[in-house]
Amino acid sequence: MRKLKRGDITTQQIVLLIILIASFAVILFFIFRLNLGETNAQEICHNSVVSRGASVLPSDSIPLNCQTTYVCITKDGSCEKMSGTKEIKKVKTKDEVYDTLANEMADCWWMFGEGKINYVGKDLTPEKLYCSICSQIAFDDSLKEIFPDNQIDQTEFYDYLAKTNISAGESFLDYLLDIKSSEEIKSSLQDSSSDFGKINLENQHYVIMGITSDVSSLGWAIVGALSGVTLIILTGGFGAPIGIAMAGGAIAGGVGGHFFGVMIEGDSGEYYLHPILKHWLELILLNIKSIC
């Protein structure tokens, strides 16, 4: 029998080496499958918002790295209303449609700092609302099986936001607006002879949010008090919208119109148009000056 020399590999060592290599290959397979360590588009956007907000340099020197996502909500898996690269969200019920929309709004709020970051910097001027489009959303024709009148009642949708948790003990409405119940919005709408209005599924819509340093200077948001929450409505004829202070301010009466969105004062001291779902025509008629 040949005597083993130093450096010779035994059969046992070869088997052990094969096991180690195979185990490593399996671990790598699962890492790649789970995309661990991969930074997605939302995280890239959020990181650029944080970096820009924390920088002492001029805001233009640190560009926001945020992209609009294209989402098609469908029941049958088709999507006639949106071409090109898009995310297909298959749904079966109203609640699944509402959940898709709620998560798009929540993602938008998180990406842009949840009202805690001034990501525009010193360039922020009082008379300008800086807006960002997070998502463009198409509603497939197959949703008529879920919504026969081809409309979403925003009263139902905001009730869903109030009753559905995004995390333990926190509803979507609480996360987005720091409001516990949709009844607070309903009450203010009723006091101004207004309503939630409908979302027409014939049109593509956008999840959009914005930031400004002064609500009252915008002209279309009249605020009774600059602390708390401002409810923005559109007049029935899509004229100039009027803001109604929901906290600490007088409620305007006899206005009439439809719910547009909510402006809140963030921890950063600036004012934020919370993520809303709107058709492009509404945004044009509002004369929003900067859409990015």
C-alpha atoms as a PDB file:
ATOM      1  CA  MET A   1       0.000   0.000   0.000  1.00  0.00           C
ATOM      2  CA  ARG A   2       1.367   3.389  -1.082  1.00  0.00           C
ATOM      3  CA  LYS A   3       2.153   5.714   1.757  1.00  0.00           C
ATOM      4  CA  LEU A   4       0.348   9.078   1.473  1.00  0.00           C
ATOM      5  CA  LYS A   5       2.628  11.978   0.889  1.00  0.00           C
ATOM      6  CA  ARG A   6       2.115  15.478   2.234  1.00  0.00           C
ATOM      7  CA  GLY A   7      -0.253  17.303  -0.145  1.00  0.00           C
ATOM      8  CA  ASP A   8      -2.124  14.200  -1.267  1.00  0.00           C
ATOM      9  CA  ILE A   9      -5.954  14.482  -1.055  1.00  0.00           C
ATOM     10  CA  THR A  10      -7.854  11.603   0.470  1.00  0.00           C
ATOM     11  CA  THR A  11     -11.221  10.351  -0.789  1.00  0.00           C
ATOM     12  CA  GLN A  12     -12.850  11.695   2.368  1.00  0.00           C
ATOM     13  CA  GLN A  13     -11.422  15.146   1.722  1.00  0.00           C
ATOM     14  CA  ILE A  14     -12.605  15.054  -1.900  1.00  0.00           C
ATOM     15  CA  VAL A  15     -16.142  14.137  -0.780  1.00  0.00           C
ATOM     16  CA  LEU A  16     -16.088  16.922   1.824  1.00  0.00           C
ATOM     17  CA  LEU A  17     -14.885  19.427  -0.779  1.00  0.00           C
ATOM     18  CA  ILE A  18     -17.683  18.404  -3.174  1.00  0.00           C
ATOM     19  CA  ILE A  19     -20.264  18.823  -0.394  1.00  0.00           C
ATOM     20  CA  LEU A  20     -18.922  22.283   0.464  1.00  0.00           C
ATOM     21  CA  ILE A  21     -18.994  23.397  -3.190  1.00  0.00           C
ATOM     22  CA  ALA A  22     -22.522  22.055  -3.662  1.00  0.00           C
ATOM     23  CA  SER A  23     -23.723  23.745  -0.487  1.00  0.00           C
ATOM     24  CA  PHE A  24     -22.214  27.040  -1.572  1.00  0.00           C
ATOM     25  CA  ALA A  25     -23.895  26.730  -4.970  1.00  0.00           C
ATOM     26  CA  VAL A  26     -27.273  26.107  -3.308  1.00  0.00           C
ATOM     27  CA  ILE A  27     -26.826  29.147  -1.041  1.00  0.00           C
ATOM     28  CA  LEU A  28     -25.933  31.327  -4.039  1.00  0.00           C
ATOM     29  CA  PHE A  29     -28.980  30.037  -5.917  1.00  0.00           C
ATOM     30  CA  PHE A  30     -31.333  31.110  -3.112  1.00  0.00           C
ATOM     31  CA  ILE A  31     -29.595  34.477  -2.720  1.00  0.00           C
ATOM     32  CA  PHE A  32     -30.126  35.225  -6.402  1.00  0.00           C
ATOM     33  CA  ARG A  33     -33.704  33.939  -6.270  1.00  0.00           C
ATOM     34  CA  LEU A  34     -34.527  36.204  -3.328  1.00  0.00           C
ATOM     35  CA  ASN A  35     -32.673  39.179  -4.830  1.00  0.00           C
ATOM     36  CA  LEU A  36     -31.035  39.850  -1.468  1.00  0.00           C
ATOM     37  CA  GLY A  37     -29.003  43.013  -1.547  1.00  0.00           C
ATOM     38  CA  GLU A  38     -30.687  44.263  -4.714  1.00  0.00           C
ATOM     39  CA  THR A  39     -31.843  47.859  -4.520  1.00  0.00           C
ATOM     40  CA  ASN A  40     -35.138  48.360  -6.301  1.00  0.00           C
ATOM     41  CA  ALA A  41     -36.355  51.541  -7.981  1.00  0.00           C
ATOM     42  CA  GLN A  42     -38.348  52.632  -4.933  1.00  0.00           C
ATOM     43  CA  GLU A  43     -35.338  52.303  -2.632  1.00  0.00           C
ATOM     44  CA  ILE A  44     -33.132  54.168  -5.129  1.00  0.00           C
ATOM     45  CA  CYS A  45     -35.656  57.015  -5.200  1.00  0.00           C
ATOM     46  CA  HIS A  46     -35.989  57.067  -1.413  1.00  0.00           C
ATOM     47  CA  ASN A  47     -32.216  57.087  -0.947  1.00  0.00           C
ATOM     48  CA  SER A  48     -31.827  60.012  -3.356  1.00  0.00           C
ATOM     49  CA  VAL A  49     -34.564  61.940  -1.503  1.00  0.00           C
ATOM     50  CA  VAL A  50     -32.804  61.342   1.831  1.00  0.00           C
ATOM     51  CA  SER A  51     -29.405  62.331   0.384  1.00  0.00           C
ATOM     52  CA  ARG A  52     -30.780  65.504  -1.151  1.00  0.00           C
ATOM     53  CA  GLY A  53     -32.615  66.469   2.019  1.00  0.00           C
ATOM     54  CA  ALA A  54     -29.503  65.995   4.171  1.00  0.00           C
ATOM     55  CA  SER A  55     -27.054  67.730   1.847  1.00  0.00           C
ATOM     56  CA  VAL A  56     -25.658  71.198   2.538  1.00  0.00           C
ATOM     57  CA  LEU A  57     -24.960  71.584  -1.183  1.00  0.00           C
ATOM     58  CA  PRO A  58     -27.413  73.274  -3.580  1.00  0.00           C
ATOM     59  CA  SER A  59     -30.307  70.953  -4.308  1.00  0.00           C
ATOM     60  CA  ASP A  60     -29.545  70.869  -8.040  1.00  0.00           C
ATOM     61  CA  SER A  61     -26.175  69.266  -7.300  1.00  0.00           C
ATOM     62  CA  ILE A  62     -27.905  66.106  -6.034  1.00  0.00           C
ATOM     63  CA  PRO A  63     -30.562  65.040  -8.550  1.00  0.00           C
ATOM     64  CA  LEU A  64     -33.555  63.010  -7.469  1.00  0.00           C
ATOM     65  CA  ASN A  65     -33.239  59.546  -8.941  1.00  0.00           C
ATOM     66  CA  CYS A  66     -36.955  58.757  -9.128  1.00  0.00           C
ATOM     67  CA  GLN A  67     -38.866  57.151 -11.956  1.00  0.00           C
ATOM     68  CA  THR A  68     -42.569  56.875 -12.682  1.00  0.00           C
ATOM     69  CA  THR A  69     -43.845  53.300 -12.592  1.00  0.00           C
ATOM     70  CA  TYR A  70     -46.522  52.132 -15.022  1.00  0.00           C
ATOM     71  CA  VAL A  71     -49.208  49.925 -13.532  1.00  0.00           C
ATOM     72  CA  CYS A  72     -52.140  48.186 -15.171  1.00  0.00           C
ATOM     73  CA  ILE A  73     -54.915  46.870 -12.927  1.00  0.00           C
ATOM     74  CA  THR A  74     -56.785  44.045 -14.591  1.00  0.00           C
ATOM     75  CA  LYS A  75     -59.116  41.162 -13.837  1.00  0.00           C
ATOM     76  CA  ASP A  76     -58.396  38.941 -16.841  1.00  0.00           C
ATOM     77  CA  GLY A  77     -54.672  39.642 -17.225  1.00  0.00           C
ATOM     78  CA  SER A  78     -54.988  41.743 -20.368  1.00  0.00           C
ATOM     79  CA  CYS A  79     -54.271  45.458 -20.597  1.00  0.00           C
ATOM     80  CA  GLU A  80     -55.650  47.244 -23.657  1.00  0.00           C
ATOM     81  CA  LYS A  81     -55.187  50.749 -22.304  1.00  0.00           C
ATOM     82  CA  MET A  82     -51.453  50.753 -21.647  1.00  0.00           C
ATOM     83  CA  SER A  83     -48.643  49.773 -23.993  1.00  0.00           C
ATOM     84  CA  GLY A  84     -44.960  49.305 -23.306  1.00  0.00           C
ATOM     85  CA  THR A  85     -43.303  48.029 -20.137  1.00  0.00           C
ATOM     86  CA  LYS A  86     -45.702  47.900 -17.210  1.00  0.00           C
ATOM     87  CA  GLU A  87     -46.537  46.060 -14.020  1.00  0.00           C
ATOM     88  CA  ILE A  88     -49.621  43.874 -14.351  1.00  0.00           C
ATOM     89  CA  LYS A  89     -51.716  43.744 -11.171  1.00  0.00           C
ATOM     90  CA  LYS A  90     -54.358  41.014 -11.370  1.00  0.00           C
ATOM     91  CA  VAL A  91     -57.371  41.499  -9.112  1.00  0.00           C
ATOM     92  CA  LYS A  92     -60.628  39.684  -8.451  1.00  0.00           C
ATOM     93  CA  THR A  93     -62.506  41.932  -6.025  1.00  0.00           C
ATOM     94  CA  LYS A  94     -63.053  45.596  -5.130  1.00  0.00           C
ATOM     95  CA  ASP A  95     -60.860  45.208  -2.070  1.00  0.00           C
ATOM     96  CA  GLU A  96     -57.985  43.923  -4.201  1.00  0.00           C
ATOM     97  CA  VAL A  97     -58.314  46.975  -6.468  1.00  0.00           C
ATOM     98  CA  TYR A  98     -58.381  49.251  -3.420  1.00  0.00           C
ATOM     99  CA  ASP A  99     -55.375  47.441  -1.932  1.00  0.00           C
ATOM    100  CA  THR A 100     -53.365  47.957  -5.132  1.00  0.00           C
ATOM    101  CA  LEU A 101     -54.172  51.673  -5.158  1.00  0.00           C
ATOM    102  CA  ALA A 102     -53.503  52.026  -1.420  1.00  0.00           C
ATOM    103  CA  ASN A 103     -50.073  50.450  -1.745  1.00  0.00           C
ATOM    104  CA  GLU A 104     -49.170  52.664  -4.710  1.00  0.00           C
ATOM    105  CA  MET A 105     -50.063  55.723  -2.611  1.00  0.00           C
ATOM    106  CA  ALA A 106     -48.187  54.406   0.438  1.00  0.00           C
ATOM    107  CA  ASP A 107     -45.094  53.624  -1.652  1.00  0.00           C
ATOM    108  CA  CYS A 108     -45.184  57.158  -3.058  1.00  0.00           C
ATOM    109  CA  TRP A 109     -45.417  58.665   0.441  1.00  0.00           C
ATOM    110  CA  TRP A 110     -42.503  56.537   1.676  1.00  0.00           C
ATOM    111  CA  MET A 111     -40.290  57.235  -1.357  1.00  0.00           C
ATOM    112  CA  PHE A 112     -40.514  60.981  -0.798  1.00  0.00           C
ATOM    113  CA  GLY A 113     -39.808  60.890   2.911  1.00  0.00           C
ATOM    114  CA  GLU A 114     -43.230  60.694   4.602  1.00  0.00           C
ATOM    115  CA  GLY A 115     -43.381  64.439   5.130  1.00  0.00           C
ATOM    116  CA  LYS A 116     -40.137  64.452   7.106  1.00  0.00           C
ATOM    117  CA  ILE A 117     -37.753  65.653   4.404  1.00  0.00           C
ATOM    118  CA  ASN A 118     -37.490  68.889   2.454  1.00  0.00           C
ATOM    119  CA  TYR A 119     -36.161  67.309  -0.736  1.00  0.00           C
ATOM    120  CA  VAL A 120     -36.447  70.549  -2.747  1.00  0.00           C
ATOM    121  CA  GLY A 121     -34.058  72.453  -0.496  1.00  0.00           C
ATOM    122  CA  LYS A 122     -33.520  76.194  -0.353  1.00  0.00           C
ATOM    123  CA  ASP A 123     -34.989  76.535  -3.847  1.00  0.00           C
ATOM    124  CA  LEU A 124     -38.442  75.922  -2.343  1.00  0.00           C
ATOM    125  CA  THR A 125     -40.547  79.013  -3.051  1.00  0.00           C
ATOM    126  CA  PRO A 126     -43.871  79.787  -1.315  1.00  0.00           C
ATOM    127  CA  GLU A 127     -45.967  80.283  -4.433  1.00  0.00           C
ATOM    128  CA  LYS A 128     -45.022  77.018  -6.090  1.00  0.00           C
ATOM    129  CA  LEU A 129     -46.165  73.443  -5.543  1.00  0.00           C
ATOM    130  CA  TYR A 130     -43.432  71.018  -6.576  1.00  0.00           C
ATOM    131  CA  CYS A 131     -45.104  67.812  -7.718  1.00  0.00           C
ATOM    132  CA  SER A 132     -43.818  64.324  -8.436  1.00  0.00           C
ATOM    133  CA  ILE A 133     -45.612  61.578 -10.333  1.00  0.00           C
ATOM    134  CA  CYS A 134     -44.976  58.228  -8.683  1.00  0.00           C
ATOM    135  CA  SER A 135     -47.232  55.992 -10.778  1.00  0.00           C
ATOM    136  CA  GLN A 136     -49.315  56.069 -13.917  1.00  0.00           C
ATOM    137  CA  ILE A 137     -52.250  53.691 -13.579  1.00  0.00           C
ATOM    138  CA  ALA A 138     -54.484  52.192 -16.261  1.00  0.00           C
ATOM    139  CA  PHE A 139     -57.728  50.413 -15.411  1.00  0.00           C
ATOM    140  CA  ASP A 140     -58.353  47.527 -17.787  1.00  0.00           C
ATOM    141  CA  ASP A 141     -61.780  47.075 -19.423  1.00  0.00           C
ATOM    142  CA  SER A 142     -62.177  43.781 -17.567  1.00  0.00           C
ATOM    143  CA  LEU A 143     -62.696  45.746 -14.326  1.00  0.00           C
ATOM    144  CA  LYS A 144     -66.269  46.407 -15.502  1.00  0.00           C
ATOM    145  CA  GLU A 145     -67.018  42.978 -14.049  1.00  0.00           C
ATOM    146  CA  ILE A 146     -66.103  44.419 -10.647  1.00  0.00           C
ATOM    147  CA  PHE A 147     -67.312  48.003 -11.180  1.00  0.00           C
ATOM    148  CA  PRO A 148     -70.340  47.791 -13.545  1.00  0.00           C
ATOM    149  CA  ASP A 149     -70.679  51.587 -13.762  1.00  0.00           C
ATOM    150  CA  ASN A 150     -66.938  51.841 -14.530  1.00  0.00           C
ATOM    151  CA  GLN A 151     -66.355  54.156 -11.567  1.00  0.00           C
ATOM    152  CA  ILE A 152     -64.762  53.920  -8.147  1.00  0.00           C
ATOM    153  CA  ASP A 153     -66.657  55.640  -5.365  1.00  0.00           C
ATOM    154  CA  GLN A 154     -63.996  57.525  -3.398  1.00  0.00           C
ATOM    155  CA  THR A 155     -66.158  57.286  -0.271  1.00  0.00           C
ATOM    156  CA  GLU A 156     -65.744  53.501  -0.413  1.00  0.00           C
ATOM    157  CA  PHE A 157     -62.055  53.806  -1.164  1.00  0.00           C
ATOM    158  CA  TYR A 158     -61.311  56.097   1.779  1.00  0.00           C
ATOM    159  CA  ASP A 159     -63.390  53.858   4.039  1.00  0.00           C
ATOM    160  CA  TYR A 160     -61.097  51.032   2.905  1.00  0.00           C
ATOM    161  CA  LEU A 161     -58.004  53.126   3.707  1.00  0.00           C
ATOM    162  CA  ALA A 162     -59.398  53.738   7.204  1.00  0.00           C
ATOM    163  CA  LYS A 163     -60.262  50.127   8.025  1.00  0.00           C
ATOM    164  CA  THR A 164     -57.268  48.367   6.440  1.00  0.00           C
ATOM    165  CA  ASN A 165     -53.904  48.243   8.190  1.00  0.00           C
ATOM    166  CA  ILE A 166     -50.625  48.854   6.430  1.00  0.00           C
ATOM    167  CA  SER A 167     -48.810  47.628   9.549  1.00  0.00           C
ATOM    168  CA  ALA A 168     -49.745  46.463  13.031  1.00  0.00           C
ATOM    169  CA  GLY A 169     -52.081  49.014  14.589  1.00  0.00           C
ATOM    170  CA  GLU A 170     -51.767  51.555  11.752  1.00  0.00           C
ATOM    171  CA  SER A 171     -54.249  51.970   8.918  1.00  0.00           C
ATOM    172  CA  PHE A 172     -53.406  53.282   5.463  1.00  0.00           C
ATOM    173  CA  LEU A 173     -55.355  56.452   6.265  1.00  0.00           C
ATOM    174  CA  ASP A 174     -53.437  56.944   9.497  1.00  0.00           C
ATOM    175  CA  TYR A 175     -50.110  56.394   7.733  1.00  0.00           C
ATOM    176  CA  LEU A 176     -50.892  58.721   4.836  1.00  0.00           C
ATOM    177  CA  LEU A 177     -52.811  61.492   6.595  1.00  0.00           C
ATOM    178  CA  ASP A 178     -52.435  60.947  10.331  1.00  0.00           C
ATOM    179  CA  ILE A 179     -56.232  60.664  10.442  1.00  0.00           C
ATOM    180  CA  LYS A 180     -57.910  57.793  12.284  1.00  0.00           C
ATOM    181  CA  SER A 181     -61.286  57.822  10.561  1.00  0.00           C
ATOM    182  CA  SER A 182     -62.611  58.756   7.132  1.00  0.00           C
ATOM    183  CA  GLU A 183     -65.597  60.273   8.955  1.00  0.00           C
ATOM    184  CA  GLU A 184     -63.443  63.344   9.642  1.00  0.00           C
ATOM    185  CA  ILE A 185     -63.138  63.975   5.903  1.00  0.00           C
ATOM    186  CA  LYS A 186     -66.815  63.153   5.273  1.00  0.00           C
ATOM    187  CA  SER A 187     -67.923  65.615   7.937  1.00  0.00           C
ATOM    188  CA  SER A 188     -65.870  68.444   6.456  1.00  0.00           C
ATOM    189  CA  LEU A 189     -67.137  67.670   2.961  1.00  0.00           C
ATOM    190  CA  GLN A 190     -70.725  67.740   4.176  1.00  0.00           C
ATOM    191  CA  ASP A 191     -70.170  71.069   5.929  1.00  0.00           C
ATOM    192  CA  SER A 192     -69.039  72.550   2.616  1.00  0.00           C
ATOM    193  CA  SER A 193     -71.856  70.923   0.587  1.00  0.00           C
ATOM    194  CA  SER A 194     -69.258  68.764  -1.173  1.00  0.00           C
ATOM    195  CA  ASP A 195     -68.696  65.044  -1.688  1.00  0.00           C
ATOM    196  CA  PHE A 196     -65.923  62.554  -2.351  1.00  0.00           C
ATOM    197  CA  GLY A 197     -66.720  62.205  -6.025  1.00  0.00           C
ATOM    198  CA  LYS A 198     -65.886  59.315  -8.358  1.00  0.00           C
ATOM    199  CA  ILE A 199     -62.825  57.939 -10.127  1.00  0.00           C
ATOM    200  CA  ASN A 200     -63.660  57.327 -13.789  1.00  0.00           C
ATOM    201  CA  LEU A 201     -61.993  54.083 -14.872  1.00  0.00           C
ATOM    202  CA  GLU A 202     -62.160  55.075 -18.534  1.00  0.00           C
ATOM    203  CA  ASN A 203     -59.190  57.360 -17.922  1.00  0.00           C
ATOM    204  CA  GLN A 204     -55.625  56.672 -16.917  1.00  0.00           C
ATOM    205  CA  HIS A 205     -54.768  58.217 -13.567  1.00  0.00           C
ATOM    206  CA  TYR A 206     -51.631  59.290 -11.745  1.00  0.00           C
ATOM    207  CA  VAL A 207     -50.464  58.833  -8.181  1.00  0.00           C
ATOM    208  CA  ILE A 208     -48.975  62.234  -7.474  1.00  0.00           C
ATOM    209  CA  MET A 209     -47.729  64.113  -4.414  1.00  0.00           C
ATOM    210  CA  GLY A 210     -46.152  67.512  -3.856  1.00  0.00           C
ATOM    211  CA  ILE A 211     -44.346  69.869  -1.502  1.00  0.00           C
ATOM    212  CA  THR A 212     -44.576  73.607  -0.863  1.00  0.00           C
ATOM    213  CA  SER A 213     -43.349  75.964   1.844  1.00  0.00           C
ATOM    214  CA  ASP A 214     -46.620  77.884   2.204  1.00  0.00           C
ATOM    215  CA  VAL A 215     -50.129  76.606   1.601  1.00  0.00           C
ATOM    216  CA  SER A 216     -51.923  79.948   1.737  1.00  0.00           C
ATOM    217  CA  SER A 217     -49.776  81.533  -0.977  1.00  0.00           C
ATOM    218  CA  LEU A 218     -50.822  78.953  -3.569  1.00  0.00           C
ATOM    219  CA  GLY A 219     -54.053  80.785  -4.206  1.00  0.00           C
ATOM    220  CA  TRP A 220     -56.114  77.630  -4.646  1.00  0.00           C
ATOM    221  CA  ALA A 221     -55.676  76.511  -1.034  1.00  0.00           C
ATOM    222  CA  ILE A 222     -57.302  78.866   1.468  1.00  0.00           C
ATOM    223  CA  VAL A 223     -56.472  77.779   4.992  1.00  0.00           C
ATOM    224  CA  GLY A 224     -58.107  78.779   8.260  1.00  0.00           C
ATOM    225  CA  ALA A 225     -55.040  77.650  10.213  1.00  0.00           C
ATOM    226  CA  LEU A 226     -51.641  76.513   9.065  1.00  0.00           C
ATOM    227  CA  SER A 227     -51.433  73.728  11.615  1.00  0.00           C
ATOM    228  CA  GLY A 228     -53.145  70.421  11.086  1.00  0.00           C
ATOM    229  CA  VAL A 229     -54.743  69.157   7.897  1.00  0.00           C
ATOM    230  CA  THR A 230     -56.142  71.053   4.930  1.00  0.00           C
ATOM    231  CA  LEU A 231     -58.857  69.467   2.851  1.00  0.00           C
ATOM    232  CA  ILE A 232     -58.827  70.575  -0.784  1.00  0.00           C
ATOM    233  CA  ILE A 233     -61.968  70.437  -2.909  1.00  0.00           C
ATOM    234  CA  LEU A 234     -62.686  71.241  -6.537  1.00  0.00           C
ATOM    235  CA  THR A 235     -65.729  73.282  -7.432  1.00  0.00           C
ATOM    236  CA  GLY A 236     -68.321  71.445  -9.469  1.00  0.00           C
ATOM    237  CA  GLY A 237     -67.271  73.218 -12.667  1.00  0.00           C
ATOM    238  CA  PHE A 238     -63.553  72.491 -12.142  1.00  0.00           C
ATOM    239  CA  GLY A 239     -62.968  76.111 -11.251  1.00  0.00           C
ATOM    240  CA  ALA A 240     -60.569  77.304  -8.593  1.00  0.00           C
ATOM    241  CA  PRO A 241     -60.336  74.778  -5.750  1.00  0.00           C
ATOM    242  CA  ILE A 242     -60.817  75.899  -2.182  1.00  0.00           C
ATOM    243  CA  GLY A 243     -59.021  74.497   0.844  1.00  0.00           C
ATOM    244  CA  ILE A 244     -60.867  73.787   4.067  1.00  0.00           C
ATOM    245  CA  ALA A 245     -58.958  73.566   7.341  1.00  0.00           C
ATOM    246  CA  MET A 246     -59.888  70.360   9.151  1.00  0.00           C
ATOM    247  CA  ALA A 247     -57.893  71.044  12.298  1.00  0.00           C
ATOM    248  CA  GLY A 248     -57.715  74.291  14.240  1.00  0.00           C
ATOM    249  CA  GLY A 249     -59.451  76.374  11.587  1.00  0.00           C
ATOM    250  CA  ALA A 250     -62.877  77.484  10.472  1.00  0.00           C
ATOM    251  CA  ILE A 251     -64.816  75.311   8.058  1.00  0.00           C
ATOM    252  CA  ALA A 252     -65.934  77.144   4.950  1.00  0.00           C
ATOM    253  CA  GLY A 253     -69.627  76.686   4.314  1.00  0.00           C
ATOM    254  CA  GLY A 254     -71.714  76.477   1.172  1.00  0.00           C
ATOM    255  CA  VAL A 255     -68.815  75.881  -1.202  1.00  0.00           C
ATOM    256  CA  GLY A 256     -69.942  72.846  -3.158  1.00  0.00           C
ATOM    257  CA  GLY A 257     -67.704  70.612  -5.238  1.00  0.00           C
ATOM    258  CA  HIS A 258     -65.747  67.380  -5.149  1.00  0.00           C
ATOM    259  CA  PHE A 259     -62.910  66.087  -3.005  1.00  0.00           C
ATOM    260  CA  PHE A 260     -59.475  66.622  -4.531  1.00  0.00           C
ATOM    261  CA  GLY A 261     -56.972  65.755  -1.847  1.00  0.00           C
ATOM    262  CA  VAL A 262     -55.393  66.669   1.458  1.00  0.00           C
ATOM    263  CA  MET A 263     -52.519  68.994   2.277  1.00  0.00           C
ATOM    264  CA  ILE A 264     -50.698  68.296   5.540  1.00  0.00           C
ATOM    265  CA  GLU A 265     -47.956  70.025   7.467  1.00  0.00           C
ATOM    266  CA  GLY A 266     -45.032  67.604   7.676  1.00  0.00           C
ATOM    267  CA  ASP A 267     -42.394  67.151  10.351  1.00  0.00           C
ATOM    268  CA  SER A 268     -39.989  69.042   8.091  1.00  0.00           C
ATOM    269  CA  GLY A 269     -42.058  72.203   8.531  1.00  0.00           C
ATOM    270  CA  GLU A 270     -43.087  72.208   4.864  1.00  0.00           C
ATOM    271  CA  TYR A 271     -46.534  71.374   3.495  1.00  0.00           C
ATOM    272  CA  TYR A 272     -47.201  68.209   1.531  1.00  0.00           C
ATOM    273  CA  LEU A 273     -49.933  67.278  -0.894  1.00  0.00           C
ATOM    274  CA  HIS A 274     -50.439  63.700   0.215  1.00  0.00           C
ATOM    275  CA  PRO A 275     -50.390  61.026  -2.524  1.00  0.00           C
ATOM    276  CA  ILE A 276     -53.561  61.365  -4.569  1.00  0.00           C
ATOM    277  CA  LEU A 277     -55.027  59.516  -7.529  1.00  0.00           C
ATOM    278  CA  LYS A 278     -56.043  61.975 -10.236  1.00  0.00           C
ATOM    279  CA  HIS A 279     -56.722  62.242 -13.937  1.00  0.00           C
ATOM    280  CA  TRP A 280     -54.375  64.497 -15.902  1.00  0.00           C
ATOM    281  CA  LEU A 281     -57.156  66.932 -16.812  1.00  0.00           C
ATOM    282  CA  GLU A 282     -57.784  67.725 -13.145  1.00  0.00           C
ATOM    283  CA  LEU A 283     -54.104  68.546 -12.659  1.00  0.00           C
ATOM    284  CA  ILE A 284     -54.029  70.836 -15.694  1.00  0.00           C
ATOM    285  CA  LEU A 285     -57.136  72.692 -14.576  1.00  0.00           C
ATOM    286  CA  LEU A 286     -55.577  73.119 -11.152  1.00  0.00           C
ATOM    287  CA  ASN A 287     -52.727  74.988 -12.813  1.00  0.00           C
ATOM    288  CA  ILE A 288     -50.064  72.988 -10.986  1.00  0.00           C
ATOM    289  CA  LYS A 289     -46.919  74.772 -12.101  1.00  0.00           C
ATOM    290  CA  SER A 290     -44.309  72.043 -11.922  1.00  0.00           C
ATOM    291  CA  ILE A 291     -44.845  68.375 -12.707  1.00  0.00           C
ATOM    292  CA  CYS A 292     -41.685  66.279 -12.581  1.00  0.00           C
END
